[in-house]
Amino acid sequence: MNRRGITMALAATMAGGLAAGWGVVRHADSGTHTKGATSFALHTGDDKLDAFVGDLYGVISGPAGQERDWDKFDALFTDDAVMGQCVKRPDGSVGYVGMTPADYKERSGPWLVENGFFEIETGREAMRFGQMIHLWSTYEAKQSEDGEVFMRGINSIQIVDFGDDGYKIRSIFWNPETPDNPLPGADHADDHDGDHDH
């Protein structure tokens, strides 16, 4: 299967359930000096952030033949937002493919509609300081809602909190799981083939 069209596996956030200990959210404790973190379930208890992350994953997900709502996609990002993917090539070398949200739409949009793509967040670690929010969002990807997981990985998402004006993504980049780089605690990386670079 040609996965070259999937340049962004936001599908942060990829295999039916993550290993124990990864599906947690961690928020820095409140106060002037923060030490340690508090663990929660997958959802943060912050309905606004949960809804925003849901929109991010939801806007690129859908069955084959369904156009994506690119206006909604654009509204999630700051005007100068950047995106990118860490890749491991067949020869073992590593690299990084950078892009803008506009590039992502051009490169991946047709593939998403032609083949169908669902990306689901399966774990999240969140850190916040002032208006900065960083999410370490684990994902799995399928080509249909009830299909088999063909890719997993982690999305690194940097968000700006504009208060009453809501959240915007400043940057997002992701790293798909490979057999020699399994998700933390994963014991079944071999269930997925090595073609996770695209």
Protein backbone atom coordinates (compact mmCIF):
# COMPACT_ATOMS: atom_id res chain seq x y z
CA MET A 1 0.00 0.00 0.00
CA ASN A 2 1.38 3.42 -0.93
CA ARG A 3 1.45 5.63 2.14
CA ARG A 4 3.41 8.45 0.53
CA GLY A 5 0.26 10.57 0.67
CA ILE A 6 0.16 10.46 4.46
CA THR A 7 2.68 13.09 5.39
CA MET A 8 1.01 13.91 8.63
CA ALA A 9 -0.10 11.02 10.69
CA LEU A 10 -2.00 13.20 13.22
CA ALA A 11 -3.11 10.22 13.84
CA ALA A 12 -1.34 11.96 16.65
CA THR A 13 -2.63 10.51 17.63
CA MET A 14 -1.94 4.22 16.24
CA ALA A 15 -2.71 0.73 17.38
CA GLY A 16 -5.69 -0.35 19.28
CA GLY A 17 -4.67 0.84 22.70
CA LEU A 18 -1.35 1.76 24.18
CA ALA A 19 0.71 0.03 26.77
CA ALA A 20 0.07 0.64 30.42
CA GLY A 21 1.36 3.91 31.75
CA TRP A 22 1.30 5.82 28.45
CA GLY A 23 -2.35 6.85 28.26
CA VAL A 24 -2.02 9.59 30.86
CA VAL A 25 -2.18 13.33 30.87
CA ARG A 26 0.32 15.21 32.98
CA HIS A 27 -0.19 18.80 33.99
CA ALA A 28 2.34 20.83 35.91
CA ASP A 29 1.04 21.63 39.38
CA SER A 30 -0.17 25.19 39.83
CA GLY A 31 1.99 27.66 41.73
CA THR A 32 5.03 29.84 41.21
CA HIS A 33 7.44 26.92 41.34
CA THR A 34 6.25 23.62 39.92
CA LYS A 35 7.79 20.29 40.70
CA GLY A 36 6.48 16.96 39.55
CA ALA A 37 3.20 16.47 37.75
CA THR A 38 -0.31 15.31 38.35
CA SER A 39 -1.66 12.38 36.32
CA PHE A 40 -5.17 12.24 34.95
CA ALA A 41 -7.08 10.01 32.57
CA LEU A 42 -6.74 10.56 28.80
CA HIS A 43 -9.00 13.62 28.92
CA THR A 44 -7.60 16.56 30.82
CA GLY A 45 -10.77 17.79 32.46
CA ASP A 46 -10.22 20.95 30.41
CA ASP A 47 -13.21 20.71 28.08
CA LYS A 48 -11.90 23.51 25.86
CA LEU A 49 -8.56 21.79 25.27
CA ASP A 50 -10.18 18.39 24.81
CA ALA A 51 -12.54 19.85 22.19
CA PHE A 52 -9.64 21.55 20.39
CA VAL A 53 -7.60 18.35 20.22
CA GLY A 54 -10.72 16.51 19.06
CA ASP A 55 -11.13 19.04 16.25
CA LEU A 56 -7.50 18.58 15.22
CA TYR A 57 -7.82 14.83 14.88
CA GLY A 58 -11.35 14.95 13.55
CA VAL A 59 -10.76 17.43 10.75
CA ILE A 60 -8.37 15.16 8.81
CA SER A 61 -10.35 11.99 9.55
CA GLY A 62 -13.12 10.60 7.39
CA PRO A 63 -14.11 7.84 4.98
CA ALA A 64 -12.96 7.56 1.39
CA GLY A 65 -14.81 10.02 -0.81
CA GLN A 66 -15.44 12.57 1.93
CA GLU A 67 -13.88 15.98 1.40
CA ARG A 68 -12.19 17.41 4.48
CA ASP A 69 -13.21 20.76 5.95
CA TRP A 70 -10.04 22.67 5.11
CA ASP A 71 -11.45 25.98 6.34
CA LYS A 72 -11.83 24.39 9.78
CA PHE A 73 -8.33 22.93 9.45
CA ASP A 74 -6.85 26.36 8.65
CA ALA A 75 -8.63 27.92 11.62
CA LEU A 76 -6.72 25.64 14.00
CA PHE A 77 -3.33 27.18 13.15
CA THR A 78 -1.55 30.49 13.67
CA ASP A 79 -0.71 32.34 10.45
CA ASP A 80 2.97 31.34 10.73
CA ALA A 81 2.43 27.73 11.81
CA VAL A 82 4.80 24.98 10.74
CA MET A 83 4.43 21.22 10.45
CA GLY A 84 6.82 18.35 9.89
CA GLN A 85 7.54 14.65 10.05
CA CYS A 86 10.56 12.75 11.28
CA VAL A 87 11.35 9.96 8.81
CA LYS A 88 13.50 6.86 8.69
CA ARG A 89 14.49 5.87 5.18
CA PRO A 90 14.86 2.30 3.88
CA ASP A 91 18.66 2.67 4.01
CA GLY A 92 18.45 3.40 7.75
CA SER A 93 19.25 7.10 7.51
CA VAL A 94 16.99 9.58 9.26
CA GLY A 95 15.62 12.91 8.20
CA TYR A 96 12.95 15.52 8.65
CA VAL A 97 10.34 16.76 6.19
CA GLY A 98 9.09 20.26 6.97
CA MET A 99 5.94 21.87 5.61
CA THR A 100 3.25 24.44 6.20
CA PRO A 101 -0.42 23.60 6.75
CA ALA A 102 -0.98 24.63 3.11
CA ASP A 103 1.69 22.14 2.00
CA TYR A 104 0.03 19.43 4.05
CA LYS A 105 -3.33 20.04 2.40
CA GLU A 106 -1.75 19.91 -1.05
CA ARG A 107 0.34 16.81 -0.40
CA SER A 108 -1.98 14.73 1.75
CA GLY A 109 -5.47 16.06 1.03
CA PRO A 110 -6.11 14.04 -2.15
CA TRP A 111 -4.81 10.84 -0.53
CA LEU A 112 -7.07 11.26 2.50
CA VAL A 113 -10.16 11.58 0.30
CA GLU A 114 -9.19 8.81 -2.09
CA ASN A 115 -8.24 6.21 0.52
CA GLY A 116 -10.02 7.16 3.73
CA PHE A 117 -8.13 7.97 6.90
CA PHE A 118 -8.99 8.02 10.58
CA GLU A 119 -6.51 9.25 13.16
CA ILE A 120 -7.33 8.70 16.83
CA GLU A 121 -5.57 10.05 19.89
CA THR A 122 -4.79 7.18 22.26
CA GLY A 123 -2.70 8.94 24.90
CA ARG A 124 -1.69 12.43 25.90
CA GLU A 125 0.88 14.16 28.05
CA ALA A 126 0.27 17.91 28.43
CA MET A 127 2.54 20.56 29.89
CA ARG A 128 1.58 24.19 30.33
CA PHE A 129 3.31 27.41 31.30
CA GLY A 130 1.41 30.67 30.89
CA GLN A 131 -0.01 30.76 27.39
CA MET A 132 2.22 27.93 26.14
CA ILE A 133 0.86 24.41 25.95
CA HIS A 134 2.84 21.41 24.74
CA LEU A 135 1.12 18.13 23.96
CA TRP A 136 2.84 14.79 23.50
CA SER A 137 -0.08 13.08 21.76
CA THR A 138 0.03 9.39 20.85
CA TYR A 139 -2.04 8.33 17.85
CA GLU A 140 -3.16 5.40 15.77
CA ALA A 141 -4.32 5.47 12.15
CA LYS A 142 -6.81 3.41 10.18
CA GLN A 143 -8.26 3.69 6.69
CA SER A 144 -11.80 3.08 7.90
CA GLU A 145 -13.48 3.61 11.24
CA ASP A 146 -13.56 -0.11 12.02
CA GLY A 147 -10.47 -1.02 9.99
CA GLU A 148 -7.14 -2.36 11.15
CA VAL A 149 -4.53 -0.04 12.58
CA PHE A 150 -1.75 0.39 10.03
CA MET A 151 0.29 3.09 11.73
CA ARG A 152 1.02 4.49 15.17
CA GLY A 153 3.23 7.26 16.47
CA ILE A 154 3.47 10.44 18.50
CA ASN A 155 2.50 13.99 17.58
CA SER A 156 4.38 16.84 19.27
CA ILE A 157 1.96 19.78 19.30
CA GLN A 158 2.72 23.31 20.46
CA ILE A 159 -0.35 25.43 21.19
CA VAL A 160 -0.85 29.10 22.04
CA ASP A 161 -3.71 29.95 24.41
CA PHE A 162 -5.24 33.23 23.23
CA GLY A 163 -7.72 33.34 26.10
CA ASP A 164 -11.19 34.31 24.93
CA ASP A 165 -10.01 33.91 21.32
CA GLY A 166 -9.27 30.24 21.87
CA TYR A 167 -6.33 28.00 21.03
CA LYS A 168 -4.12 27.97 17.95
CA ILE A 169 -1.42 25.52 16.90
CA ARG A 170 1.99 27.12 16.40
CA SER A 171 3.74 23.92 15.36
CA ILE A 172 3.16 20.23 15.08
CA PHE A 173 5.50 17.45 14.05
CA TRP A 174 5.26 13.73 14.35
CA ASN A 175 7.29 10.56 14.39
CA PRO A 176 5.69 7.29 13.25
CA GLU A 177 6.48 4.12 15.13
CA THR A 178 8.89 1.67 13.48
CA PRO A 179 9.94 -1.85 14.53
CA ASP A 180 13.21 -0.51 15.94
CA ASN A 181 11.53 2.51 17.53
CA PRO A 182 8.36 1.22 19.20
CA LEU A 183 6.09 3.36 21.31
CA PRO A 184 7.09 3.43 24.98
CA GLY A 185 6.04 0.17 26.60
CA ALA A 186 4.76 -1.30 23.34
CA ASP A 187 5.27 -5.03 22.98
CA HIS A 188 3.72 -5.54 19.58
CA ALA A 189 5.56 -3.19 17.21
CA ASP A 190 6.19 -6.19 14.96
CA ASP A 191 2.45 -6.25 14.23
CA HIS A 192 3.03 -3.22 11.99
CA ASP A 193 5.14 -3.21 8.88
CA GLY A 194 8.16 -0.96 8.57
CA ASP A 195 6.67 1.40 5.94
CA HIS A 196 5.80 4.18 8.36
CA ASP A 197 7.75 6.96 6.77
CA HIS A 198 5.02 8.54 4.70
